[in-house]
N, C-alpha and C. Protein backbone atom coordinates (compact mmCIF):
# COMPACT_ATOMS: atom_id res chain seq x y z
N MET A 1 -6.46 13.55 24.44
CA MET A 1 -5.12 13.31 23.87
C MET A 1 -5.09 13.85 22.45
N THR A 2 -4.05 14.57 22.14
CA THR A 2 -3.81 15.07 20.77
C THR A 2 -2.86 14.15 20.07
N ILE A 3 -3.21 13.75 18.87
CA ILE A 3 -2.35 12.91 18.04
C ILE A 3 -2.05 13.68 16.76
N LYS A 4 -0.76 13.71 16.40
CA LYS A 4 -0.38 14.34 15.12
C LYS A 4 0.45 13.32 14.33
N ARG A 5 0.16 13.27 13.06
CA ARG A 5 0.92 12.37 12.17
C ARG A 5 1.82 13.18 11.25
N TYR A 6 2.98 12.67 11.00
CA TYR A 6 4.00 13.31 10.14
C TYR A 6 4.32 12.41 8.95
N GLY A 7 4.44 12.99 7.77
CA GLY A 7 4.87 12.24 6.60
C GLY A 7 3.98 11.14 6.13
N THR A 8 2.73 11.44 5.89
CA THR A 8 1.82 10.45 5.46
C THR A 8 1.50 10.59 3.98
N GLY A 9 2.32 11.29 3.27
CA GLY A 9 2.13 11.52 1.80
C GLY A 9 2.51 10.37 1.01
N GLN A 10 3.42 10.60 0.03
CA GLN A 10 3.77 9.51 -0.91
C GLN A 10 5.32 9.30 -0.80
N THR A 11 5.69 8.06 -1.02
CA THR A 11 7.12 7.74 -1.01
C THR A 11 7.75 7.99 -2.40
N GLY A 12 9.04 8.11 -2.41
CA GLY A 12 9.75 8.42 -3.67
C GLY A 12 9.73 7.19 -4.63
N ALA A 13 9.61 5.99 -4.11
CA ALA A 13 9.70 4.79 -4.94
C ALA A 13 8.37 4.54 -5.60
N GLY A 14 8.19 5.11 -6.81
CA GLY A 14 7.00 4.91 -7.59
C GLY A 14 5.79 5.75 -7.13
N LYS A 15 6.04 6.66 -6.18
CA LYS A 15 5.01 7.56 -5.66
C LYS A 15 3.78 6.81 -5.15
N GLN A 16 4.05 5.71 -4.47
CA GLN A 16 2.96 4.95 -3.90
C GLN A 16 2.54 5.59 -2.58
N PRO A 17 1.26 5.57 -2.27
CA PRO A 17 0.83 6.09 -0.94
C PRO A 17 1.40 5.29 0.18
N LEU A 18 1.86 5.99 1.21
CA LEU A 18 2.41 5.32 2.37
C LEU A 18 1.24 4.73 3.21
N PRO A 19 1.33 3.45 3.58
CA PRO A 19 0.28 2.89 4.43
C PRO A 19 0.58 3.09 5.92
N PHE A 20 1.43 4.08 6.23
CA PHE A 20 1.83 4.37 7.58
C PHE A 20 2.32 5.79 7.67
N ALA A 21 2.39 6.35 8.88
CA ALA A 21 3.00 7.64 9.09
C ALA A 21 4.49 7.48 9.37
N ARG A 22 5.29 8.44 8.95
CA ARG A 22 6.72 8.34 9.24
C ARG A 22 6.92 8.57 10.77
N ALA A 23 6.02 9.28 11.38
CA ALA A 23 6.06 9.50 12.82
C ALA A 23 4.68 9.86 13.33
N VAL A 24 4.44 9.55 14.55
CA VAL A 24 3.19 9.92 15.26
C VAL A 24 3.56 10.45 16.59
N GLU A 25 2.97 11.62 16.90
CA GLU A 25 3.22 12.31 18.19
C GLU A 25 1.93 12.24 19.01
N ALA A 26 2.09 11.92 20.28
CA ALA A 26 0.97 11.83 21.20
C ALA A 26 1.46 12.27 22.59
N ASN A 27 0.93 13.38 23.10
CA ASN A 27 1.26 13.86 24.45
C ASN A 27 2.73 13.98 24.76
N GLY A 28 3.51 14.48 23.85
CA GLY A 28 4.93 14.68 24.02
C GLY A 28 5.80 13.53 23.59
N TRP A 29 5.19 12.37 23.28
CA TRP A 29 5.90 11.19 22.81
C TRP A 29 5.89 11.18 21.28
N LEU A 30 7.04 10.94 20.67
CA LEU A 30 7.09 10.85 19.19
C LEU A 30 7.61 9.47 18.85
N TYR A 31 6.85 8.73 18.07
CA TYR A 31 7.18 7.40 17.64
C TYR A 31 7.56 7.47 16.15
N VAL A 32 8.85 7.23 15.86
CA VAL A 32 9.35 7.29 14.48
C VAL A 32 9.36 5.91 13.89
N SER A 33 8.69 5.77 12.76
CA SER A 33 8.65 4.49 12.06
C SER A 33 10.04 4.05 11.60
N GLY A 34 10.23 2.77 11.39
CA GLY A 34 11.49 2.24 10.91
C GLY A 34 11.96 2.97 9.65
N GLN A 35 13.22 3.43 9.66
CA GLN A 35 13.79 4.12 8.50
C GLN A 35 14.97 3.30 7.92
N VAL A 36 15.13 3.36 6.64
CA VAL A 36 16.23 2.71 5.97
C VAL A 36 17.01 3.78 5.21
N ALA A 37 18.05 3.37 4.54
CA ALA A 37 18.97 4.33 3.84
C ALA A 37 18.42 4.78 2.47
N MET A 38 17.19 5.21 2.45
CA MET A 38 16.48 5.63 1.24
C MET A 38 16.82 7.09 0.97
N GLU A 39 17.22 7.33 -0.30
CA GLU A 39 17.51 8.67 -0.74
C GLU A 39 17.03 8.74 -2.19
N ASN A 40 16.15 9.74 -2.46
CA ASN A 40 15.58 9.86 -3.85
C ASN A 40 14.94 8.54 -4.35
N GLY A 41 14.32 7.84 -3.48
CA GLY A 41 13.58 6.60 -3.89
C GLY A 41 14.45 5.39 -4.01
N GLU A 42 15.72 5.48 -3.72
CA GLU A 42 16.63 4.33 -3.85
C GLU A 42 17.43 4.17 -2.56
N ILE A 43 17.83 2.92 -2.29
CA ILE A 43 18.71 2.62 -1.17
C ILE A 43 20.12 3.07 -1.59
N VAL A 44 20.81 3.81 -0.69
CA VAL A 44 22.18 4.23 -1.05
C VAL A 44 23.10 3.01 -1.05
N GLY A 45 24.10 3.05 -1.87
CA GLY A 45 25.03 1.88 -1.97
C GLY A 45 26.23 2.14 -1.04
N GLY A 46 27.13 1.14 -1.07
CA GLY A 46 28.40 1.32 -0.43
C GLY A 46 28.55 0.55 0.89
N GLY A 47 27.51 -0.15 1.32
CA GLY A 47 27.65 -0.98 2.54
C GLY A 47 27.11 -0.34 3.78
N ILE A 48 27.43 -1.00 4.93
CA ILE A 48 26.80 -0.63 6.20
C ILE A 48 27.14 0.83 6.67
N ILE A 49 28.33 1.33 6.41
CA ILE A 49 28.70 2.63 6.95
C ILE A 49 27.90 3.72 6.26
N PRO A 50 27.88 3.82 4.92
CA PRO A 50 27.04 4.90 4.33
C PRO A 50 25.54 4.59 4.56
N GLU A 51 25.11 3.41 4.64
CA GLU A 51 23.70 3.13 4.92
C GLU A 51 23.33 3.61 6.32
N THR A 52 24.19 3.37 7.26
CA THR A 52 23.92 3.86 8.65
C THR A 52 23.82 5.35 8.72
N HIS A 53 24.77 6.06 8.06
CA HIS A 53 24.72 7.52 8.02
C HIS A 53 23.44 7.99 7.38
N ARG A 54 23.03 7.43 6.21
CA ARG A 54 21.85 7.89 5.55
C ARG A 54 20.61 7.60 6.43
N THR A 55 20.55 6.42 7.01
CA THR A 55 19.42 6.06 7.86
C THR A 55 19.32 7.02 9.04
N MET A 56 20.42 7.31 9.70
CA MET A 56 20.39 8.26 10.84
C MET A 56 19.96 9.66 10.35
N GLU A 57 20.43 10.08 9.19
CA GLU A 57 20.04 11.41 8.71
C GLU A 57 18.57 11.44 8.40
N ASN A 58 17.98 10.32 7.91
CA ASN A 58 16.55 10.22 7.68
C ASN A 58 15.78 10.31 9.00
N VAL A 59 16.29 9.64 10.02
CA VAL A 59 15.65 9.73 11.36
C VAL A 59 15.69 11.14 11.89
N ILE A 60 16.88 11.76 11.76
CA ILE A 60 17.05 13.16 12.28
C ILE A 60 16.10 14.09 11.53
N ALA A 61 15.91 13.95 10.23
CA ALA A 61 15.02 14.83 9.46
C ALA A 61 13.59 14.65 9.96
N ILE A 62 13.18 13.46 10.27
CA ILE A 62 11.80 13.25 10.76
C ILE A 62 11.67 13.87 12.14
N LEU A 63 12.67 13.68 13.03
CA LEU A 63 12.63 14.29 14.35
C LEU A 63 12.53 15.80 14.20
N LYS A 64 13.36 16.41 13.39
CA LYS A 64 13.42 17.86 13.21
C LYS A 64 12.04 18.36 12.68
N ASP A 65 11.45 17.63 11.75
CA ASP A 65 10.14 18.04 11.19
C ASP A 65 9.10 18.11 12.25
N ALA A 66 9.22 17.30 13.29
CA ALA A 66 8.26 17.28 14.44
C ALA A 66 8.69 18.14 15.56
N GLY A 67 9.86 18.82 15.43
CA GLY A 67 10.31 19.75 16.48
C GLY A 67 11.13 19.08 17.58
N TYR A 68 11.68 17.89 17.26
CA TYR A 68 12.47 17.12 18.19
C TYR A 68 13.91 17.03 17.66
N GLY A 69 14.82 16.55 18.53
CA GLY A 69 16.21 16.32 18.11
C GLY A 69 16.69 15.03 18.72
N LEU A 70 17.91 14.62 18.41
CA LEU A 70 18.47 13.44 18.98
C LEU A 70 18.52 13.45 20.54
N GLU A 71 18.63 14.63 21.08
CA GLU A 71 18.65 14.76 22.55
C GLU A 71 17.33 14.34 23.17
N HIS A 72 16.30 14.26 22.40
CA HIS A 72 14.96 13.84 22.92
C HIS A 72 14.71 12.34 22.79
N VAL A 73 15.61 11.65 22.09
CA VAL A 73 15.41 10.22 21.83
C VAL A 73 15.66 9.39 23.10
N VAL A 74 14.72 8.60 23.48
CA VAL A 74 14.88 7.76 24.70
C VAL A 74 15.05 6.29 24.43
N ARG A 75 14.65 5.86 23.19
CA ARG A 75 14.79 4.46 22.87
C ARG A 75 14.96 4.31 21.34
N VAL A 76 15.87 3.39 20.92
CA VAL A 76 16.10 3.12 19.54
C VAL A 76 15.99 1.62 19.32
N GLY A 77 15.39 1.24 18.19
CA GLY A 77 15.39 -0.16 17.76
C GLY A 77 16.20 -0.26 16.49
N VAL A 78 17.08 -1.24 16.39
CA VAL A 78 17.93 -1.40 15.24
C VAL A 78 17.81 -2.84 14.74
N TRP A 79 17.68 -2.98 13.42
CA TRP A 79 17.66 -4.27 12.78
C TRP A 79 18.84 -4.25 11.79
N LEU A 80 19.72 -5.27 11.90
CA LEU A 80 20.84 -5.42 10.96
C LEU A 80 20.63 -6.70 10.16
N ASP A 81 20.81 -6.60 8.88
CA ASP A 81 20.75 -7.73 8.00
C ASP A 81 21.81 -8.78 8.27
N ASP A 82 23.00 -8.31 8.59
CA ASP A 82 24.18 -9.18 8.81
C ASP A 82 24.82 -8.85 10.14
N PRO A 83 24.84 -9.75 11.10
CA PRO A 83 25.42 -9.42 12.42
C PRO A 83 26.89 -9.08 12.35
N ARG A 84 27.56 -9.46 11.27
CA ARG A 84 29.00 -9.12 11.15
C ARG A 84 29.19 -7.61 10.91
N ASP A 85 28.10 -6.91 10.58
CA ASP A 85 28.14 -5.45 10.41
C ASP A 85 28.04 -4.70 11.73
N PHE A 86 27.84 -5.42 12.84
CA PHE A 86 27.56 -4.72 14.15
C PHE A 86 28.56 -3.70 14.50
N TRP A 87 29.85 -4.05 14.47
CA TRP A 87 30.87 -3.11 15.00
C TRP A 87 31.01 -1.92 14.07
N SER A 88 30.91 -2.10 12.77
CA SER A 88 30.96 -0.91 11.86
C SER A 88 29.73 -0.04 12.08
N PHE A 89 28.55 -0.67 12.16
CA PHE A 89 27.31 0.08 12.46
C PHE A 89 27.44 0.82 13.76
N ASN A 90 27.93 0.14 14.82
CA ASN A 90 28.02 0.74 16.14
C ASN A 90 28.91 1.96 16.19
N GLY A 91 30.01 1.91 15.43
CA GLY A 91 30.98 3.04 15.37
C GLY A 91 30.30 4.32 14.81
N VAL A 92 29.51 4.12 13.74
CA VAL A 92 28.81 5.24 13.15
C VAL A 92 27.76 5.75 14.08
N TYR A 93 26.94 4.84 14.61
CA TYR A 93 25.81 5.15 15.47
C TYR A 93 26.34 5.96 16.69
N ALA A 94 27.42 5.50 17.30
CA ALA A 94 27.95 6.19 18.51
C ALA A 94 28.28 7.66 18.21
N GLY A 95 28.71 7.93 16.98
CA GLY A 95 29.03 9.33 16.65
C GLY A 95 27.84 10.26 16.62
N TYR A 96 26.67 9.70 16.53
CA TYR A 96 25.45 10.56 16.53
C TYR A 96 24.96 10.83 17.94
N PHE A 97 25.12 9.90 18.89
CA PHE A 97 24.57 10.07 20.22
C PHE A 97 25.67 10.45 21.21
N GLY A 98 26.90 10.24 20.94
CA GLY A 98 27.99 10.65 21.88
C GLY A 98 27.88 10.08 23.22
N ASP A 99 28.02 10.92 24.26
CA ASP A 99 28.04 10.49 25.63
C ASP A 99 26.63 10.33 26.22
N HIS A 100 25.57 10.57 25.44
CA HIS A 100 24.21 10.49 25.96
C HIS A 100 23.31 9.57 25.13
N PRO A 101 23.71 8.31 25.01
CA PRO A 101 22.92 7.37 24.18
C PRO A 101 21.61 7.01 24.80
N PRO A 102 20.62 6.75 24.00
CA PRO A 102 19.33 6.23 24.53
C PRO A 102 19.39 4.72 24.77
N ALA A 103 18.37 4.18 25.34
CA ALA A 103 18.27 2.74 25.40
C ALA A 103 18.12 2.22 23.98
N ARG A 104 18.65 0.99 23.79
CA ARG A 104 18.68 0.49 22.41
C ARG A 104 18.53 -1.06 22.39
N ALA A 105 17.86 -1.53 21.40
CA ALA A 105 17.84 -2.97 21.08
C ALA A 105 18.44 -3.04 19.66
N CYS A 106 19.22 -4.13 19.44
CA CYS A 106 19.84 -4.32 18.14
C CYS A 106 19.76 -5.81 17.85
N VAL A 107 19.11 -6.16 16.76
CA VAL A 107 18.91 -7.58 16.43
C VAL A 107 19.20 -7.83 14.96
N GLN A 108 19.46 -9.10 14.62
CA GLN A 108 19.54 -9.49 13.26
C GLN A 108 18.19 -9.78 12.69
N SER A 109 17.93 -9.36 11.44
CA SER A 109 16.64 -9.59 10.84
C SER A 109 16.78 -9.58 9.31
N SER A 110 16.07 -10.41 8.67
CA SER A 110 15.94 -10.30 7.19
C SER A 110 15.15 -9.01 6.91
N MET A 111 15.58 -8.29 5.90
CA MET A 111 14.95 -6.99 5.59
C MET A 111 13.86 -7.15 4.51
N MET A 112 12.86 -6.29 4.57
CA MET A 112 11.78 -6.27 3.58
C MET A 112 12.21 -5.59 2.28
N VAL A 113 13.26 -4.77 2.33
CA VAL A 113 13.83 -4.12 1.15
C VAL A 113 15.35 -4.47 1.15
N ASP A 114 16.00 -4.19 0.08
CA ASP A 114 17.43 -4.55 -0.08
C ASP A 114 18.30 -3.54 0.67
N CYS A 115 18.34 -3.63 1.95
CA CYS A 115 19.14 -2.73 2.77
C CYS A 115 19.85 -3.51 3.89
N LYS A 116 20.78 -2.87 4.54
CA LYS A 116 21.55 -3.52 5.59
C LYS A 116 21.12 -3.17 7.02
N VAL A 117 20.41 -2.05 7.14
CA VAL A 117 20.04 -1.58 8.48
C VAL A 117 18.72 -0.83 8.40
N GLU A 118 17.96 -0.97 9.50
CA GLU A 118 16.69 -0.22 9.67
C GLU A 118 16.73 0.26 11.13
N ILE A 119 16.22 1.51 11.33
CA ILE A 119 16.27 2.14 12.67
C ILE A 119 14.89 2.79 12.90
N ASP A 120 14.33 2.52 14.10
CA ASP A 120 13.18 3.29 14.52
C ASP A 120 13.54 3.90 15.91
N CYS A 121 12.68 4.78 16.39
CA CYS A 121 12.99 5.38 17.70
C CYS A 121 11.75 5.98 18.31
N VAL A 122 11.89 6.19 19.63
CA VAL A 122 10.87 6.86 20.43
C VAL A 122 11.56 8.07 21.09
N ALA A 123 10.91 9.24 20.97
CA ALA A 123 11.51 10.47 21.59
C ALA A 123 10.42 11.05 22.51
N TYR A 124 10.92 11.82 23.48
CA TYR A 124 9.96 12.49 24.40
C TYR A 124 10.41 13.96 24.62
N LYS A 125 9.43 14.78 24.60
CA LYS A 125 9.61 16.24 24.88
C LYS A 125 8.36 16.67 25.64
N ALA A 126 8.55 17.27 26.75
CA ALA A 126 7.36 17.71 27.56
C ALA A 126 6.48 18.58 26.70
N PRO A 127 5.14 18.30 26.67
CA PRO A 127 4.20 19.08 25.82
C PRO A 127 4.05 20.48 26.41
């Protein structure tokens, strides 16, 4: 089995070493770590809608770096800080996947950083 890790360098927030890979690929499966609305070392402001867009763009950038796209995503995990944000989040999210959404779990969770949404995913592409 071949395993490849993506994005194991340093984070923008204080240039601390990452204790995890942004994604790990194994035999055509790509596991993307939870992403938040981080841009230039800071969480973007403005609420759930801009945070969802930034978070999805971060996921897309990691997928692209590994040679995958949203069309390869088979499962998504979503954590929302406030369940009242669900419908606003869902409207933005739907715009990224259109008529071919992956399986998804969406739960309420307290966040480890000051953000409103975190997204991880699993993608598959035949090796």
